[in-house]
């Protein structure tokens, strides 16, 4: 639920920020928007795995996260 809420909030904040970049064509606007949105959602969805790999260094928890 938290991941979905942060994804929605970020999407609503991202639209005005990408518009400030002043893209000449709609295609470049869409490409910039999709790249930023994908990167954020990928990191947001996999934050538990990233945290376990680099901070906890607990392989049992990592296996549980990857299998689950």
N, C-alpha and C. Protein backbone atom coordinates (compact mmCIF):
# COMPACT_ATOMS: atom_id res chain seq x y z
N UNK A 1 0.82 -1.18 0.00
CA UNK A 1 0.00 0.00 0.00
C UNK A 1 0.88 1.26 0.00
N UNK A 2 1.96 1.21 0.75
CA UNK A 2 2.85 2.36 0.82
C UNK A 2 3.54 2.58 -0.52
N UNK A 3 3.95 1.49 -1.17
CA UNK A 3 4.61 1.62 -2.47
C UNK A 3 3.65 2.24 -3.49
N UNK A 4 2.43 1.80 -3.50
CA UNK A 4 1.44 2.36 -4.42
C UNK A 4 1.17 3.83 -4.15
N UNK A 5 1.10 4.21 -2.89
CA UNK A 5 0.86 5.61 -2.54
C UNK A 5 2.03 6.49 -2.94
N UNK A 6 3.25 6.03 -2.72
CA UNK A 6 4.40 6.85 -3.10
C UNK A 6 4.54 6.93 -4.62
N UNK A 7 4.20 5.85 -5.32
CA UNK A 7 4.23 5.90 -6.79
C UNK A 7 3.22 6.92 -7.32
N UNK A 8 2.02 6.93 -6.76
CA UNK A 8 0.99 7.87 -7.19
C UNK A 8 1.42 9.31 -6.88
N UNK A 9 1.94 9.54 -5.69
CA UNK A 9 2.37 10.88 -5.29
C UNK A 9 3.50 11.37 -6.18
N UNK A 10 4.46 10.49 -6.45
CA UNK A 10 5.58 10.88 -7.29
C UNK A 10 5.10 11.21 -8.71
N UNK A 11 4.17 10.44 -9.23
CA UNK A 11 3.65 10.70 -10.57
C UNK A 11 2.98 12.07 -10.63
N UNK A 12 2.22 12.42 -9.60
CA UNK A 12 1.56 13.72 -9.58
C UNK A 12 2.57 14.87 -9.48
N UNK A 13 3.66 14.65 -8.79
CA UNK A 13 4.70 15.68 -8.66
C UNK A 13 5.58 15.74 -9.90
N UNK A 14 5.71 14.64 -10.60
CA UNK A 14 6.62 14.56 -11.74
C UNK A 14 6.11 15.33 -12.95
N UNK A 15 4.82 15.35 -13.17
CA UNK A 15 4.27 16.01 -14.36
C UNK A 15 4.67 17.49 -14.41
N UNK A 16 4.45 18.28 -13.35
CA UNK A 16 4.87 19.69 -13.43
C UNK A 16 6.38 19.86 -13.53
N UNK A 17 7.13 18.96 -12.88
CA UNK A 17 8.58 19.08 -12.93
C UNK A 17 9.12 18.81 -14.33
N UNK A 18 8.56 17.84 -15.03
CA UNK A 18 9.01 17.55 -16.40
C UNK A 18 8.57 18.68 -17.34
N UNK A 19 7.43 19.29 -17.06
CA UNK A 19 6.99 20.43 -17.88
C UNK A 19 7.95 21.61 -17.74
N UNK A 20 8.57 21.74 -16.59
CA UNK A 20 9.53 22.83 -16.37
C UNK A 20 10.80 22.63 -17.22
N UNK A 21 11.05 21.43 -17.69
CA UNK A 21 12.22 21.18 -18.52
C UNK A 21 12.08 21.79 -19.90
N UNK A 22 10.88 22.24 -20.26
CA UNK A 22 10.63 22.97 -21.50
C UNK A 22 11.03 22.16 -22.74
N UNK A 23 10.38 21.03 -22.92
CA UNK A 23 10.64 20.18 -24.09
C UNK A 23 9.99 20.78 -25.33
N UNK A 24 10.67 20.68 -26.44
CA UNK A 24 10.17 21.25 -27.70
C UNK A 24 9.07 20.39 -28.30
N UNK A 25 9.23 19.08 -28.19
CA UNK A 25 8.26 18.16 -28.79
C UNK A 25 7.64 17.27 -27.71
N UNK A 26 6.44 16.81 -27.99
CA UNK A 26 5.74 15.95 -27.04
C UNK A 26 6.46 14.61 -26.87
N UNK A 27 7.11 14.14 -27.93
CA UNK A 27 7.84 12.88 -27.86
C UNK A 27 8.97 12.96 -26.84
N UNK A 28 9.72 14.04 -26.82
CA UNK A 28 10.82 14.18 -25.86
C UNK A 28 10.27 14.34 -24.44
N UNK A 29 9.11 15.00 -24.31
CA UNK A 29 8.46 15.12 -23.00
C UNK A 29 8.08 13.73 -22.48
N UNK A 30 7.45 12.93 -23.34
CA UNK A 30 7.02 11.59 -22.94
C UNK A 30 8.20 10.69 -22.60
N UNK A 31 9.27 10.78 -23.38
CA UNK A 31 10.45 9.96 -23.10
C UNK A 31 11.07 10.33 -21.76
N UNK A 32 11.18 11.61 -21.49
CA UNK A 32 11.76 12.06 -20.23
C UNK A 32 10.88 11.63 -19.06
N UNK A 33 9.57 11.78 -19.22
CA UNK A 33 8.62 11.40 -18.16
C UNK A 33 8.70 9.90 -17.87
N UNK A 34 8.70 9.08 -18.92
CA UNK A 34 8.71 7.63 -18.74
C UNK A 34 10.03 7.16 -18.11
N UNK A 35 11.14 7.72 -18.53
CA UNK A 35 12.44 7.34 -17.95
C UNK A 35 12.49 7.63 -16.46
N UNK A 36 12.08 8.83 -16.07
CA UNK A 36 12.11 9.21 -14.66
C UNK A 36 11.12 8.38 -13.84
N UNK A 37 9.94 8.16 -14.38
CA UNK A 37 8.93 7.38 -13.67
C UNK A 37 9.36 5.93 -13.51
N UNK A 38 9.93 5.32 -14.55
CA UNK A 38 10.39 3.94 -14.46
C UNK A 38 11.49 3.80 -13.43
N UNK A 39 12.46 4.70 -13.46
CA UNK A 39 13.57 4.62 -12.51
C UNK A 39 13.07 4.73 -11.08
N UNK A 40 12.19 5.68 -10.81
CA UNK A 40 11.68 5.83 -9.45
C UNK A 40 10.89 4.60 -9.01
N UNK A 41 9.99 4.12 -9.86
CA UNK A 41 9.16 2.98 -9.49
C UNK A 41 9.98 1.71 -9.33
N UNK A 42 11.03 1.54 -10.14
CA UNK A 42 11.89 0.37 -10.01
C UNK A 42 12.61 0.38 -8.66
N UNK A 43 13.18 1.52 -8.32
CA UNK A 43 13.89 1.63 -7.03
C UNK A 43 12.91 1.51 -5.88
N UNK A 44 11.76 2.14 -6.00
CA UNK A 44 10.76 2.11 -4.93
C UNK A 44 10.25 0.69 -4.69
N UNK A 45 10.01 -0.06 -5.74
CA UNK A 45 9.48 -1.40 -5.60
C UNK A 45 10.52 -2.39 -5.07
N UNK A 46 11.78 -2.13 -5.34
CA UNK A 46 12.85 -3.05 -4.94
C UNK A 46 13.68 -2.53 -3.78
N UNK A 47 13.19 -1.56 -3.04
CA UNK A 47 13.95 -0.97 -1.95
C UNK A 47 14.28 -1.99 -0.86
N UNK A 48 13.39 -2.91 -0.59
CA UNK A 48 13.65 -3.94 0.41
C UNK A 48 14.82 -4.83 0.02
N UNK A 49 14.88 -5.19 -1.25
CA UNK A 49 15.97 -6.02 -1.74
C UNK A 49 17.28 -5.24 -1.72
N UNK A 50 17.24 -3.99 -2.17
CA UNK A 50 18.44 -3.16 -2.19
C UNK A 50 18.96 -2.95 -0.78
N UNK A 51 18.07 -2.68 0.17
CA UNK A 51 18.47 -2.47 1.56
C UNK A 51 19.09 -3.74 2.14
N UNK A 52 18.50 -4.89 1.86
CA UNK A 52 19.01 -6.15 2.39
C UNK A 52 20.39 -6.47 1.81
N UNK A 53 20.60 -6.18 0.54
CA UNK A 53 21.89 -6.48 -0.08
C UNK A 53 23.00 -5.62 0.49
N UNK A 54 22.77 -4.31 0.58
CA UNK A 54 23.86 -3.40 0.92
C UNK A 54 23.96 -3.04 2.39
N UNK A 55 22.87 -3.09 3.13
CA UNK A 55 22.90 -2.65 4.52
C UNK A 55 22.93 -3.83 5.49
N UNK A 56 21.97 -4.73 5.37
CA UNK A 56 21.88 -5.86 6.30
C UNK A 56 22.92 -6.94 5.99
N UNK A 57 23.13 -7.20 4.72
CA UNK A 57 24.03 -8.27 4.26
C UNK A 57 23.63 -9.62 4.85
N UNK A 58 22.32 -9.84 4.92
CA UNK A 58 21.77 -11.07 5.47
C UNK A 58 21.20 -11.88 4.30
N UNK A 59 21.89 -12.96 3.96
CA UNK A 59 21.49 -13.75 2.80
C UNK A 59 20.20 -14.51 3.01
N UNK A 60 19.88 -14.87 4.24
CA UNK A 60 18.62 -15.57 4.49
C UNK A 60 17.44 -14.65 4.22
N UNK A 61 17.52 -13.40 4.67
CA UNK A 61 16.44 -12.45 4.39
C UNK A 61 16.36 -12.15 2.90
N UNK A 62 17.50 -12.07 2.24
CA UNK A 62 17.50 -11.81 0.80
C UNK A 62 16.83 -12.95 0.05
N UNK A 63 17.12 -14.17 0.42
CA UNK A 63 16.49 -15.31 -0.23
C UNK A 63 14.98 -15.29 0.00
N UNK A 64 14.56 -14.95 1.18
CA UNK A 64 13.13 -14.86 1.51
C UNK A 64 12.45 -13.76 0.63
N UNK A 65 13.12 -12.62 0.46
CA UNK A 65 12.56 -11.54 -0.35
C UNK A 65 12.48 -11.93 -1.83
N UNK A 66 13.51 -12.59 -2.33
CA UNK A 66 13.53 -12.95 -3.75
C UNK A 66 12.54 -14.07 -4.07
N UNK A 67 12.40 -15.04 -3.19
CA UNK A 67 11.47 -16.15 -3.43
C UNK A 67 10.04 -15.68 -3.25
N UNK A 68 9.81 -14.84 -2.24
CA UNK A 68 8.45 -14.34 -1.96
C UNK A 68 7.97 -13.44 -3.03
